[in-house]
PDB file of N, CA and C in Angstrom:
ATOM      1  N   MET A   1      51.346 133.900  46.845  1.00  0.00           N
ATOM      2  CA  MET A   1      51.828 134.728  45.765  1.00  0.00           C
ATOM      3  C   MET A   1      51.651 134.028  44.418  1.00  0.00           C
ATOM      4  N   LYS A   2      52.041 132.760  44.352  1.00  0.00           N
ATOM      5  CA  LYS A   2      51.919 132.017  43.098  1.00  0.00           C
ATOM      6  C   LYS A   2      50.457 131.935  42.651  1.00  0.00           C
ATOM      7  N   ARG A   3      49.570 131.728  43.607  1.00  0.00           N
ATOM      8  CA  ARG A   3      48.160 131.596  43.278  1.00  0.00           C
ATOM      9  C   ARG A   3      47.633 132.888  42.649  1.00  0.00           C
ATOM     10  N   THR A   4      48.025 134.020  43.170  1.00  0.00           N
ATOM     11  CA  THR A   4      47.599 135.311  42.636  1.00  0.00           C
ATOM     12  C   THR A   4      48.111 135.504  41.217  1.00  0.00           C
ATOM     13  N   VAL A   5      49.331 135.104  40.962  1.00  0.00           N
ATOM     14  CA  VAL A   5      49.909 135.235  39.622  1.00  0.00           C
ATOM     15  C   VAL A   5      49.157 134.356  38.633  1.00  0.00           C
ATOM     16  N   VAL A   6      48.855 133.132  39.018  1.00  0.00           N
ATOM     17  CA  VAL A   6      48.137 132.225  38.127  1.00  0.00           C
ATOM     18  C   VAL A   6      46.733 132.747  37.851  1.00  0.00           C
ATOM     19  N   ILE A   7      46.057 133.243  38.866  1.00  0.00           N
ATOM     20  CA  ILE A   7      44.717 133.797  38.667  1.00  0.00           C
ATOM     21  C   ILE A   7      44.782 135.008  37.745  1.00  0.00           C
ATOM     22  N   ALA A   8      45.772 135.860  37.937  1.00  0.00           N
ATOM     23  CA  ALA A   8      45.923 137.024  37.066  1.00  0.00           C
ATOM     24  C   ALA A   8      46.173 136.601  35.623  1.00  0.00           C
ATOM     25  N   LEU A   9      46.991 135.598  35.416  1.00  0.00           N
ATOM     26  CA  LEU A   9      47.247 135.100  34.065  1.00  0.00           C
ATOM     27  C   LEU A   9      45.989 134.494  33.450  1.00  0.00           C
ATOM     28  N   ALA A  10      45.240 133.757  34.236  1.00  0.00           N
ATOM     29  CA  ALA A  10      43.999 133.155  33.730  1.00  0.00           C
ATOM     30  C   ALA A  10      42.996 134.235  33.355  1.00  0.00           C
ATOM     31  N   LEU A  11      42.871 135.250  34.185  1.00  0.00           N
ATOM     32  CA  LEU A  11      41.938 136.331  33.880  1.00  0.00           C
ATOM     33  C   LEU A  11      42.363 137.120  32.651  1.00  0.00           C
ATOM     34  N   SER A  12      43.650 137.386  32.527  1.00  0.00           N
ATOM     35  CA  SER A  12      44.099 138.128  31.346  1.00  0.00           C
ATOM     36  C   SER A  12      43.935 137.292  30.087  1.00  0.00           C
ATOM     37  N   SER A  13      44.129 135.986  30.181  1.00  0.00           N
ATOM     38  CA  SER A  13      43.892 135.119  29.027  1.00  0.00           C
ATOM     39  C   SER A  13      42.420 135.119  28.652  1.00  0.00           C
ATOM     40  N   ALA A  14      41.562 135.044  29.646  1.00  0.00           N
ATOM     41  CA  ALA A  14      40.123 135.062  29.378  1.00  0.00           C
ATOM     42  C   ALA A  14      39.710 136.375  28.733  1.00  0.00           C
ATOM     43  N   LEU A  15      40.252 137.469  29.227  1.00  0.00           N
ATOM     44  CA  LEU A  15      39.905 138.766  28.662  1.00  0.00           C
ATOM     45  C   LEU A  15      40.408 138.902  27.236  1.00  0.00           C
ATOM     46  N   GLY A  16      41.576 138.373  26.975  1.00  0.00           N
ATOM     47  CA  GLY A  16      42.146 138.486  25.636  1.00  0.00           C
ATOM     48  C   GLY A  16      41.500 137.578  24.612  1.00  0.00           C
ATOM     49  N   LEU A  17      40.958 136.475  25.060  1.00  0.00           N
ATOM     50  CA  LEU A  17      40.397 135.497  24.141  1.00  0.00           C
ATOM     51  C   LEU A  17      38.881 135.501  24.071  1.00  0.00           C
ATOM     52  N   ALA A  18      38.255 136.248  24.936  1.00  0.00           N
ATOM     53  CA  ALA A  18      36.795 136.197  25.046  1.00  0.00           C
ATOM     54  C   ALA A  18      36.100 136.819  23.855  1.00  0.00           C
ATOM     55  N   ALA A  19      34.886 136.407  23.643  1.00  0.00           N
ATOM     56  CA  ALA A  19      33.923 137.103  22.797  1.00  0.00           C
ATOM     57  C   ALA A  19      34.017 136.828  21.307  1.00  0.00           C
ATOM     58  N   CYS A  20      33.565 135.678  20.892  1.00  0.00           N
ATOM     59  CA  CYS A  20      33.303 135.394  19.483  1.00  0.00           C
ATOM     60  C   CYS A  20      31.816 135.619  19.255  1.00  0.00           C
ATOM     61  N   GLY A  21      31.458 136.117  18.113  1.00  0.00           N
ATOM     62  CA  GLY A  21      30.053 136.291  17.779  1.00  0.00           C
ATOM     63  C   GLY A  21      29.631 137.743  17.778  1.00  0.00           C
ATOM     64  N   ASN A  22      28.429 137.964  17.279  1.00  0.00           N
ATOM     65  CA  ASN A  22      27.929 139.327  17.171  1.00  0.00           C
ATOM     66  C   ASN A  22      26.885 139.667  18.216  1.00  0.00           C
ATOM     67  N   THR A  23      26.143 138.683  18.709  1.00  0.00           N
ATOM     68  CA  THR A  23      25.120 138.975  19.698  1.00  0.00           C
ATOM     69  C   THR A  23      25.715 138.912  21.098  1.00  0.00           C
ATOM     70  N   THR A  24      25.064 139.575  22.022  1.00  0.00           N
ATOM     71  CA  THR A  24      25.535 139.561  23.406  1.00  0.00           C
ATOM     72  C   THR A  24      25.558 138.147  23.965  1.00  0.00           C
ATOM     73  N   GLY A  25      24.541 137.360  23.649  1.00  0.00           N
ATOM     74  CA  GLY A  25      24.486 135.978  24.133  1.00  0.00           C
ATOM     75  C   GLY A  25      25.623 135.125  23.604  1.00  0.00           C
ATOM     76  N   ASP A  26      25.898 135.239  22.294  1.00  0.00           N
ATOM     77  CA  ASP A  26      27.011 134.483  21.707  1.00  0.00           C
ATOM     78  C   ASP A  26      28.336 134.884  22.339  1.00  0.00           C
ATOM     79  N   ARG A  27      28.503 136.165  22.520  1.00  0.00           N
ATOM     80  CA  ARG A  27      29.762 136.667  23.067  1.00  0.00           C
ATOM     81  C   ARG A  27      29.942 136.230  24.522  1.00  0.00           C
ATOM     82  N   ALA A  28      28.878 136.268  25.311  1.00  0.00           N
ATOM     83  CA  ALA A  28      28.968 135.828  26.705  1.00  0.00           C
ATOM     84  C   ALA A  28      29.230 134.326  26.788  1.00  0.00           C
ATOM     85  N   LEU A  29      28.551 133.550  25.941  1.00  0.00           N
ATOM     86  CA  LEU A  29      28.717 132.099  25.950  1.00  0.00           C
ATOM     87  C   LEU A  29      30.135 131.692  25.547  1.00  0.00           C
ATOM     88  N   SER A  30      30.621 132.253  24.445  1.00  0.00           N
ATOM     89  CA  SER A  30      31.962 131.878  23.997  1.00  0.00           C
ATOM     90  C   SER A  30      33.025 132.406  24.954  1.00  0.00           C
ATOM     91  N   GLY A  31      32.821 133.615  25.467  1.00  0.00           N
ATOM     92  CA  GLY A  31      33.772 134.156  26.440  1.00  0.00           C
ATOM     93  C   GLY A  31      33.836 133.316  27.699  1.00  0.00           C
ATOM     94  N   GLY A  32      32.674 132.872  28.169  1.00  0.00           N
ATOM     95  CA  GLY A  32      32.646 132.025  29.356  1.00  0.00           C
ATOM     96  C   GLY A  32      33.334 130.694  29.132  1.00  0.00           C
ATOM     97  N   ALA A  33      33.111 130.098  27.974  1.00  0.00           N
ATOM     98  CA  ALA A  33      33.739 128.803  27.671  1.00  0.00           C
ATOM     99  C   ALA A  33      35.258 128.928  27.552  1.00  0.00           C
ATOM    100  N   ILE A  34      35.699 129.947  26.844  1.00  0.00           N
ATOM    101  CA  ILE A  34      37.138 130.142  26.694  1.00  0.00           C
ATOM    102  C   ILE A  34      37.775 130.481  28.037  1.00  0.00           C
ATOM    103  N   GLY A  35      37.114 131.349  28.797  1.00  0.00           N
ATOM    104  CA  GLY A  35      37.635 131.722  30.106  1.00  0.00           C
ATOM    105  C   GLY A  35      37.687 130.554  31.073  1.00  0.00           C
ATOM    106  N   ALA A  36      36.667 129.711  31.042  1.00  0.00           N
ATOM    107  CA  ALA A  36      36.655 128.540  31.926  1.00  0.00           C
ATOM    108  C   ALA A  36      37.798 127.589  31.582  1.00  0.00           C
ATOM    109  N   GLY A  37      38.044 127.406  30.306  1.00  0.00           N
ATOM    110  CA  GLY A  37      39.158 126.541  29.898  1.00  0.00           C
ATOM    111  C   GLY A  37      40.498 127.087  30.344  1.00  0.00           C
ATOM    112  N   ALA A  38      40.704 128.372  30.104  1.00  0.00           N
ATOM    113  CA  ALA A  38      41.966 129.002  30.513  1.00  0.00           C
ATOM    114  C   ALA A  38      42.098 128.998  32.032  1.00  0.00           C
ATOM    115  N   GLY A  39      40.996 129.273  32.721  1.00  0.00           N
ATOM    116  CA  GLY A  39      41.038 129.275  34.183  1.00  0.00           C
ATOM    117  C   GLY A  39      41.292 127.902  34.772  1.00  0.00           C
ATOM    118  N   ALA A  40      40.739 126.865  34.140  1.00  0.00           N
ATOM    119  CA  ALA A  40      40.957 125.499  34.627  1.00  0.00           C
ATOM    120  C   ALA A  40      42.427 125.111  34.499  1.00  0.00           C
ATOM    121  N   VAL A  41      43.037 125.517  33.393  1.00  0.00           N
ATOM    122  CA  VAL A  41      44.467 125.219  33.212  1.00  0.00           C
ATOM    123  C   VAL A  41      45.293 125.957  34.263  1.00  0.00           C
ATOM    124  N   GLY A  42      45.003 127.248  34.430  1.00  0.00           N
ATOM    125  CA  GLY A  42      45.736 128.017  35.442  1.00  0.00           C
ATOM    126  C   GLY A  42      45.483 127.492  36.842  1.00  0.00           C
ATOM    127  N   GLY A  43      44.225 127.140  37.136  1.00  0.00           N
ATOM    128  CA  GLY A  43      43.899 126.611  38.449  1.00  0.00           C
ATOM    129  C   GLY A  43      44.526 125.259  38.708  1.00  0.00           C
ATOM    130  N   ALA A  44      44.664 124.454  37.659  1.00  0.00           N
ATOM    131  CA  ALA A  44      45.279 123.134  37.817  1.00  0.00           C
ATOM    132  C   ALA A  44      46.735 123.259  38.243  1.00  0.00           C
ATOM    133  N   LEU A  45      47.385 124.312  37.793  1.00  0.00           N
ATOM    134  CA  LEU A  45      48.776 124.530  38.195  1.00  0.00           C
ATOM    135  C   LEU A  45      48.901 124.806  39.687  1.00  0.00           C
ATOM    136  N   MET A  46      47.817 125.325  40.271  1.00  0.00           N
ATOM    137  CA  MET A  46      47.813 125.629  41.692  1.00  0.00           C
ATOM    138  C   MET A  46      47.052 124.586  42.509  1.00  0.00           C
ATOM    139  N   GLY A  47      46.547 123.533  41.853  1.00  0.00           N
ATOM    140  CA  GLY A  47      45.814 122.497  42.549  1.00  0.00           C
ATOM    141  C   GLY A  47      44.340 122.811  42.750  1.00  0.00           C
ATOM    142  N   GLU A  48      43.828 123.819  42.092  1.00  0.00           N
ATOM    143  CA  GLU A  48      42.421 124.227  42.215  1.00  0.00           C
ATOM    144  C   GLU A  48      41.794 124.444  40.842  1.00  0.00           C
ATOM    145  N   PRO A  49      41.659 123.389  40.017  1.00  0.00           N
ATOM    146  CA  PRO A  49      41.132 123.593  38.665  1.00  0.00           C
ATOM    147  C   PRO A  49      39.682 124.076  38.633  1.00  0.00           C
ATOM    148  N   LEU A  50      38.863 123.644  39.586  1.00  0.00           N
ATOM    149  CA  LEU A  50      37.466 124.080  39.580  1.00  0.00           C
ATOM    150  C   LEU A  50      37.337 125.554  39.938  1.00  0.00           C
ATOM    151  N   ALA A  51      38.102 126.010  40.897  1.00  0.00           N
ATOM    152  CA  ALA A  51      38.071 127.429  41.260  1.00  0.00           C
ATOM    153  C   ALA A  51      38.585 128.274  40.101  1.00  0.00           C
ATOM    154  N   GLY A  52      39.643 127.820  39.460  1.00  0.00           N
ATOM    155  CA  GLY A  52      40.179 128.539  38.303  1.00  0.00           C
ATOM    156  C   GLY A  52      39.183 128.600  37.160  1.00  0.00           C
ATOM    157  N   ALA A  53      38.477 127.491  36.928  1.00  0.00           N
ATOM    158  CA  ALA A  53      37.471 127.464  35.870  1.00  0.00           C
ATOM    159  C   ALA A  53      36.318 128.405  36.184  1.00  0.00           C
ATOM    160  N   ALA A  54      35.907 128.448  37.437  1.00  0.00           N
ATOM    161  CA  ALA A  54      34.809 129.338  37.826  1.00  0.00           C
ATOM    162  C   ALA A  54      35.198 130.798  37.668  1.00  0.00           C
ATOM    163  N   ILE A  55      36.377 131.152  38.114  1.00  0.00           N
ATOM    164  CA  ILE A  55      36.842 132.539  38.005  1.00  0.00           C
ATOM    165  C   ILE A  55      37.044 132.918  36.544  1.00  0.00           C
ATOM    166  N   GLY A  56      37.711 132.059  35.791  1.00  0.00           N
ATOM    167  CA  GLY A  56      37.946 132.335  34.372  1.00  0.00           C
ATOM    168  C   GLY A  56      36.661 132.395  33.571  1.00  0.00           C
ATOM    169  N   GLY A  57      35.733 131.496  33.862  1.00  0.00           N
ATOM    170  CA  GLY A  57      34.445 131.496  33.164  1.00  0.00           C
ATOM    171  C   GLY A  57      33.657 132.760  33.433  1.00  0.00           C
ATOM    172  N   ALA A  58      33.646 133.187  34.682  1.00  0.00           N
ATOM    173  CA  ALA A  58      32.922 134.418  35.030  1.00  0.00           C
ATOM    174  C   ALA A  58      33.554 135.629  34.358  1.00  0.00           C
ATOM    175  N   ALA A  59      34.868 135.697  34.381  1.00  0.00           N
ATOM    176  CA  ALA A  59      35.555 136.832  33.747  1.00  0.00           C
ATOM    177  C   ALA A  59      35.348 136.831  32.237  1.00  0.00           C
ATOM    178  N   GLY A  60      35.427 135.668  31.620  1.00  0.00           N
ATOM    179  CA  GLY A  60      35.223 135.572  30.175  1.00  0.00           C
ATOM    180  C   GLY A  60      33.806 135.910  29.761  1.00  0.00           C
ATOM    181  N   ALA A  61      32.828 135.417  30.519  1.00  0.00           N
ATOM    182  CA  ALA A  61      31.428 135.711  30.203  1.00  0.00           C
ATOM    183  C   ALA A  61      31.138 137.192  30.368  1.00  0.00           C
ATOM    184  N   ALA A  62      31.666 137.784  31.427  1.00  0.00           N
ATOM    185  CA  ALA A  62      31.463 139.215  31.642  1.00  0.00           C
ATOM    186  C   ALA A  62      32.104 140.032  30.529  1.00  0.00           C
ATOM    187  N   THR A  63      33.299 139.656  30.132  1.00  0.00           N
ATOM    188  CA  THR A  63      33.975 140.365  29.051  1.00  0.00           C
ATOM    189  C   THR A  63      33.204 140.241  27.754  1.00  0.00           C
ATOM    190  N   GLY A  64      32.730 139.050  27.459  1.00  0.00           N
ATOM    191  CA  GLY A  64      31.950 138.852  26.240  1.00  0.00           C
ATOM    192  C   GLY A  64      30.664 139.645  26.234  1.00  0.00           C
ATOM    193  N   ALA A  65      30.008 139.700  27.380  1.00  0.00           N
ATOM    194  CA  ALA A  65      28.732 140.408  27.460  1.00  0.00           C
ATOM    195  C   ALA A  65      28.907 141.924  27.466  1.00  0.00           C
ATOM    196  N   LEU A  66      30.023 142.403  27.985  1.00  0.00           N
ATOM    197  CA  LEU A  66      30.225 143.847  28.129  1.00  0.00           C
ATOM    198  C   LEU A  66      30.975 144.497  26.974  1.00  0.00           C
ATOM    199  N   THR A  67      31.399 143.708  26.003  1.00  0.00           N
ATOM    200  CA  THR A  67      32.072 144.274  24.834  1.00  0.00           C
ATOM    201  C   THR A  67      31.184 144.078  23.611  1.00  0.00           C
ATOM    202  N   ASN A  68      31.528 144.764  22.531  1.00  0.00           N
ATOM    203  CA  ASN A  68      30.791 144.558  21.283  1.00  0.00           C
ATOM    204  C   ASN A  68      31.759 144.110  20.198  1.00  0.00           C
ATOM    205  N   SER A  69      31.234 143.743  19.057  1.00  0.00           N
ATOM    206  CA  SER A  69      32.082 143.169  18.006  1.00  0.00           C
ATOM    207  C   SER A  69      33.042 144.185  17.413  1.00  0.00           C
ATOM    208  N   ASP A  70      32.844 145.467  17.650  1.00  0.00           N
ATOM    209  CA  ASP A  70      33.798 146.468  17.198  1.00  0.00           C
ATOM    210  C   ASP A  70      35.034 146.517  18.094  1.00  0.00           C
ATOM    211  N   GLN A  71      34.895 146.106  19.347  1.00  0.00           N
ATOM    212  CA  GLN A  71      36.002 146.131  20.287  1.00  0.00           C
ATOM    213  C   GLN A  71      36.848 144.863  20.202  1.00  0.00           C
ATOM    214  N   ILE A  72      36.201 143.712  20.221  1.00  0.00           N
ATOM    215  CA  ILE A  72      36.878 142.413  20.124  1.00  0.00           C
ATOM    216  C   ILE A  72      36.049 141.558  19.186  1.00  0.00           C
ATOM    217  N   ASN A  73      36.676 141.017  18.139  1.00  0.00           N
ATOM    218  CA  ASN A  73      35.936 140.176  17.202  1.00  0.00           C
ATOM    219  C   ASN A  73      36.832 139.047  16.727  1.00  0.00           C
ATOM    220  N   LEU A  74      36.528 137.840  17.179  1.00  0.00           N
ATOM    221  CA  LEU A  74      37.283 136.659  16.745  1.00  0.00           C
ATOM    222  C   LEU A  74      36.556 135.874  15.673  1.00  0.00           C
ATOM    223  N   GLY A  75      35.494 136.450  15.136  1.00  0.00           N
ATOM    224  CA  GLY A  75      34.786 135.802  14.041  1.00  0.00           C
ATOM    225  C   GLY A  75      33.547 135.075  14.489  1.00  0.00           C
ATOM    226  N   LYS A  76      33.018 134.306  13.579  1.00  0.00           N
ATOM    227  CA  LYS A  76      31.770 133.567  13.784  1.00  0.00           C
ATOM    228  C   LYS A  76      32.011 132.412  14.772  1.00  0.00           C
ATOM    229  N   PRO A  77      31.132 132.242  15.782  1.00  0.00           N
ATOM    230  CA  PRO A  77      31.314 131.143  16.718  1.00  0.00           C
ATOM    231  C   PRO A  77      31.094 129.790  16.039  1.00  0.00           C
ATOM    232  N   ALA A  78      31.694 128.754  16.606  1.00  0.00           N
ATOM    233  CA  ALA A  78      31.631 127.413  16.008  1.00  0.00           C
ATOM    234  C   ALA A  78      30.234 126.852  15.949  1.00  0.00           C
ATOM    235  N   TRP A  79      29.349 127.249  16.858  1.00  0.00           N
ATOM    236  CA  TRP A  79      27.997 126.684  16.867  1.00  0.00           C
ATOM    237  C   TRP A  79      27.033 127.370  15.924  1.00  0.00           C
ATOM    238  N   ARG A  80      27.458 128.356  15.180  1.00  0.00           N
ATOM    239  CA  ARG A  80      26.576 129.059  14.215  1.00  0.00           C
ATOM    240  C   ARG A  80      26.875 128.630  12.814  1.00  0.00           C
TER     241      ARG A  80
END
């Protein structure tokens, strides 16, 4: 039960924080990075930081790639 709650929190954090940038590539890259970080933290609480990072990264990258800057816009990515 705890593991499911942590995964749900990591995924919702990734979805809420994903997608900086205007291009699909920028949004997928930043979403994946943010999601992986959030997932690693959530996974570490359950003793599985790598699994959490993988799940969070995938969810964040998908969110970044499937949304546009009109839906979620956190500004210019740090690498631009």
